[in-house]
Structure formats: C-alpha cells, structure tokens
C-alpha cells in the first residue's frame, strides 16, 4: 500500500499514512499526540529535525500558502525553500511583483 505524509505543525511531527480516498478530507486525519488536525503534505516530504525551529517556521509558511510536496514526473516535488531567509526573499518578491505567494515560494531562482 502506498503511503503519504501528514504533518502536525504544533507538535512538529510527521506521520506516514495511506493515501486518502476521494472521500477523505484533510480534517479526517488527527495527530496521535495532540488530537489536532494534520495537514496532508505529500509523498515527497522530508521532515525537518524537531529542534530545527527555523525549518519548521519556513515549512509553516509554505503549508499555509498552499504549497505541498507531491512527486512530479521527475520523482520529487521540485524546489522548496528550507530557510527563513529564502522564504522572506520570495515573499518580498511576491509582494513587489504581485505574483501569488505559492508560486513565488517554489521559485528556485529569483529574477
């Protein structure tokens, strides 16, 4: 059975679960630690270390902007910023150009 990752941001924890059926909602998955809702992040997700606060903050921005980590035809999700500096640069670019945050956040290079 294929699995995918779900994240609980408050607990800084990720869990592998079976792929959701077409009837599932993200709210159907709850964290085993805090019983809060988990976010479906995709099968190409790499969990940051629990103590890496900056990486979890960057991840939180990505997830709240709607960015996920699904496998593409190349086998991975493509570029995702890992540091707050990279996130801030892309957010500033989005504000300056009007580009949607989700699109600016996944840009490998800024013009």
Protein backbone atom coordinates (compact mmCIF):
# COMPACT_ATOMS: atom_id res chain seq x y z
CA UNK A 1 0.00 0.00 0.00
CA UNK A 2 1.33 3.42 -0.95
CA UNK A 3 1.71 6.00 1.78
CA UNK A 4 1.88 9.77 2.00
CA UNK A 5 2.91 12.18 4.75
CA UNK A 6 0.79 14.22 7.14
CA UNK A 7 2.19 16.92 9.44
CA UNK A 8 1.11 18.32 12.78
CA UNK A 9 2.72 21.77 12.97
CA UNK A 10 2.18 22.37 16.71
CA UNK A 11 3.83 19.02 17.58
CA UNK A 12 6.47 19.31 14.84
CA UNK A 13 5.74 15.75 13.85
CA UNK A 14 5.14 13.94 10.57
CA UNK A 15 3.38 10.63 10.05
CA UNK A 16 3.12 8.29 7.08
CA UNK A 17 -0.46 7.26 6.38
CA UNK A 18 -2.22 5.51 3.48
CA UNK A 19 -3.15 7.79 0.60
CA UNK A 20 -6.53 9.44 1.24
CA UNK A 21 -9.54 8.12 -0.59
CA UNK A 22 -11.55 10.54 -2.74
CA UNK A 23 -14.00 10.86 0.20
CA UNK A 24 -11.37 11.88 2.79
CA UNK A 25 -10.83 15.46 3.90
CA UNK A 26 -7.56 16.67 5.49
CA UNK A 27 -9.57 17.24 8.68
CA UNK A 28 -10.19 13.49 8.90
CA UNK A 29 -6.57 12.87 9.98
CA UNK A 30 -5.78 13.78 13.57
CA UNK A 31 -2.44 13.91 15.35
CA UNK A 32 -1.89 10.96 17.70
CA UNK A 33 -0.12 13.30 20.16
CA UNK A 34 -2.44 16.32 20.43
CA UNK A 35 -5.56 15.14 18.53
CA UNK A 36 -5.35 18.29 16.38
CA UNK A 37 -5.86 18.23 12.62
CA UNK A 38 -2.93 17.19 10.46
CA UNK A 39 -2.06 18.67 7.06
CA UNK A 40 -1.58 16.38 4.05
CA UNK A 41 1.86 17.39 2.74
CA UNK A 42 2.51 14.73 0.09
CA UNK A 43 4.64 11.67 -0.50
CA UNK A 44 7.88 13.56 -1.35
CA UNK A 45 8.04 15.34 2.03
CA UNK A 46 11.26 15.26 4.07
CA UNK A 47 10.66 16.01 7.75
CA UNK A 48 12.89 18.68 9.33
CA UNK A 49 14.56 17.83 12.61
CA UNK A 50 12.24 18.54 15.52
CA UNK A 51 14.67 21.07 17.07
CA UNK A 52 15.16 22.98 13.79
CA UNK A 53 12.75 25.81 14.66
CA UNK A 54 13.63 27.88 11.57
CA UNK A 55 12.92 24.98 9.21
CA UNK A 56 9.53 24.34 10.87
CA UNK A 57 8.66 28.06 10.60
CA UNK A 58 9.60 28.04 6.91
CA UNK A 59 7.53 24.88 6.44
CA UNK A 60 4.57 26.52 8.18
CA UNK A 61 4.67 29.46 5.73
CA UNK A 62 4.81 27.05 2.78
CA UNK A 63 1.89 24.96 4.01
CA UNK A 64 -0.27 27.97 4.84
CA UNK A 65 0.39 29.31 1.31
CA UNK A 66 -0.88 26.01 -0.12
CA UNK A 67 2.50 24.56 -1.17
CA UNK A 68 2.71 20.77 -0.88
CA UNK A 69 5.35 18.10 -1.53
CA UNK A 70 3.88 15.79 -4.16
CA UNK A 71 6.04 13.77 -6.51
CA UNK A 72 6.30 15.17 -10.02
CA UNK A 73 7.34 13.42 -13.19
CA UNK A 74 10.98 13.88 -12.11
CA UNK A 75 10.42 11.95 -8.89
CA UNK A 76 10.36 14.87 -6.46
CA UNK A 77 8.36 17.97 -5.59
CA UNK A 78 10.82 20.46 -7.10
CA UNK A 79 12.44 23.34 -5.25
CA UNK A 80 11.15 24.25 -1.78
CA UNK A 81 12.84 26.89 0.44
CA UNK A 82 14.32 25.45 3.63
CA UNK A 83 15.41 28.61 5.43
CA UNK A 84 13.54 31.65 6.67
CA UNK A 85 15.87 33.84 4.60
CA UNK A 86 14.81 32.04 1.40
CA UNK A 87 11.15 32.35 2.42
CA UNK A 88 11.49 36.08 3.20
CA UNK A 89 13.22 36.76 -0.15
CA UNK A 90 10.46 35.01 -2.07
CA UNK A 91 7.67 36.68 -0.06
CA UNK A 92 9.24 40.12 -0.74
CA UNK A 93 9.46 39.25 -4.44
CA UNK A 94 5.79 38.21 -4.47
CA UNK A 95 4.72 41.47 -2.77
CA UNK A 96 6.81 43.57 -5.18
CA UNK A 97 5.63 41.82 -8.35
CA UNK A 98 2.11 40.71 -7.46
CA UNK A 99 3.00 37.07 -8.14
CA UNK A 100 0.96 34.68 -5.95
CA UNK A 101 2.83 33.64 -2.80
CA UNK A 102 2.55 29.92 -3.58
CA UNK A 103 4.19 30.40 -6.99
CA UNK A 104 6.95 32.71 -5.68
CA UNK A 105 7.78 30.32 -2.83
CA UNK A 106 8.63 27.46 -5.21
CA UNK A 107 10.90 29.53 -7.49
CA UNK A 108 14.42 28.11 -7.46
CA UNK A 109 15.91 31.43 -8.59
CA UNK A 110 14.58 34.94 -8.27
CA UNK A 111 14.94 37.23 -11.30
